[in-house]
Structures are given as structure tokens and as C-alpha cells.
């Protein structure tokens, strides 16, 4: 059951990040989910570098996903 929650929360985080940073972010359900899960890892890493610990929660995950989108858009220019 844990993997299903990971996929569901990953999709929600990815969808919120795409809503915050609109544009040609194609990919569909799978890429949105991967974006949300990767955003959780990136958010956790960035917040641990800043001294906040590893548990970043939903907001930290969304911040990590938005950071991934921003980097991807910067590389595609």
C-alpha cells in the first residue's frame, strides 16, 4: 500500500508544481508523478543543506519539484 501512496502523493506534488510553473511541461501522468517523487528528494536534499533536516513535507516537495522544472526550462533555452 505504501507504493500506491507514494505514486498518489507524487502525482499531486507534480501537478501542483506544474500549476505553479506553467508552460510546455508535457509528459502526462507518469512524468508528473516522477516529477513529484523527484521533487521530494530534491526538496529534502536542499532543506537538509539549509539545516532544516530531512522531513520537508508537502511544501518542501513542491518547492523541490518547482526547482526541477525551473532547471529543466533553463537548460532547454
Protein backbone atom coordinates (compact mmCIF):
# COMPACT_ATOMS: atom_id res chain seq x y z
CA UNK A 1 0.00 0.00 0.00
CA UNK A 2 2.95 2.34 0.61
CA UNK A 3 3.93 2.45 -3.06
CA UNK A 4 0.40 3.48 -4.02
CA UNK A 5 0.54 6.40 -1.58
CA UNK A 6 3.95 7.38 -2.96
CA UNK A 7 2.56 7.40 -6.50
CA UNK A 8 -0.57 9.34 -5.49
CA UNK A 9 1.28 11.97 -3.47
CA UNK A 10 3.97 12.19 -6.16
CA UNK A 11 1.31 12.90 -8.76
CA UNK A 12 -0.33 15.57 -6.61
CA UNK A 13 3.02 17.25 -5.88
CA UNK A 14 3.94 17.16 -9.59
CA UNK A 15 0.55 18.57 -10.61
CA UNK A 16 0.82 21.44 -8.10
CA UNK A 17 4.36 22.21 -9.31
CA UNK A 18 3.18 22.29 -12.93
CA UNK A 19 0.32 24.58 -11.88
CA UNK A 20 2.74 26.97 -10.14
CA UNK A 21 5.17 26.95 -13.08
CA UNK A 22 3.03 26.66 -16.23
CA UNK A 23 4.39 26.17 -19.70
CA UNK A 24 5.08 23.36 -22.14
CA UNK A 25 5.70 20.76 -19.43
CA UNK A 26 4.34 17.73 -21.36
CA UNK A 27 4.67 14.23 -20.04
CA UNK A 28 1.29 13.14 -18.76
CA UNK A 29 0.57 11.11 -15.64
CA UNK A 30 3.85 9.18 -15.45
CA UNK A 31 6.16 12.17 -15.87
CA UNK A 32 4.07 14.27 -13.48
CA UNK A 33 4.36 11.50 -10.88
CA UNK A 34 8.11 11.14 -11.44
CA UNK A 35 8.46 14.93 -11.13
CA UNK A 36 6.64 14.90 -7.79
CA UNK A 37 8.67 12.00 -6.39
CA UNK A 38 11.95 13.53 -7.59
CA UNK A 39 10.82 16.87 -6.13
CA UNK A 40 10.51 15.22 -2.74
CA UNK A 41 14.12 14.02 -2.95
CA UNK A 42 15.40 17.39 -4.18
CA UNK A 43 13.42 19.31 -1.56
CA UNK A 44 14.70 17.02 1.17
CA UNK A 45 18.30 17.47 -0.04
CA UNK A 46 18.07 21.27 -0.33
CA UNK A 47 16.37 21.69 3.04
CA UNK A 48 18.94 19.43 4.72
CA UNK A 49 21.71 21.62 3.26
CA UNK A 50 19.99 24.62 4.80
CA UNK A 51 19.88 22.85 8.18
CA UNK A 52 16.16 22.05 8.36
CA UNK A 53 16.51 18.26 8.47
CA UNK A 54 15.22 15.64 6.07
CA UNK A 55 11.44 15.75 6.64
CA UNK A 56 10.31 18.53 4.31
CA UNK A 57 6.64 17.66 3.94
CA UNK A 58 4.32 18.63 1.12
CA UNK A 59 5.52 22.22 0.71
CA UNK A 60 9.17 21.20 0.56
CA UNK A 61 8.33 18.56 -2.03
CA UNK A 62 6.52 21.11 -4.19
CA UNK A 63 9.46 23.53 -3.86
CA UNK A 64 11.81 20.74 -4.97
CA UNK A 65 9.59 19.91 -7.97
CA UNK A 66 9.37 23.59 -8.98
CA UNK A 67 13.16 23.77 -8.74
CA UNK A 68 13.43 20.77 -11.09
CA UNK A 69 11.04 22.43 -13.57
CA UNK A 70 13.00 25.69 -13.40
CA UNK A 71 16.30 23.90 -14.08
CA UNK A 72 14.75 21.95 -16.98
CA UNK A 73 13.37 25.13 -18.54
CA UNK A 74 16.73 26.87 -18.10
CA UNK A 75 18.53 24.03 -19.88
CA UNK A 76 16.06 23.98 -22.78
CA UNK A 77 16.64 27.63 -23.75
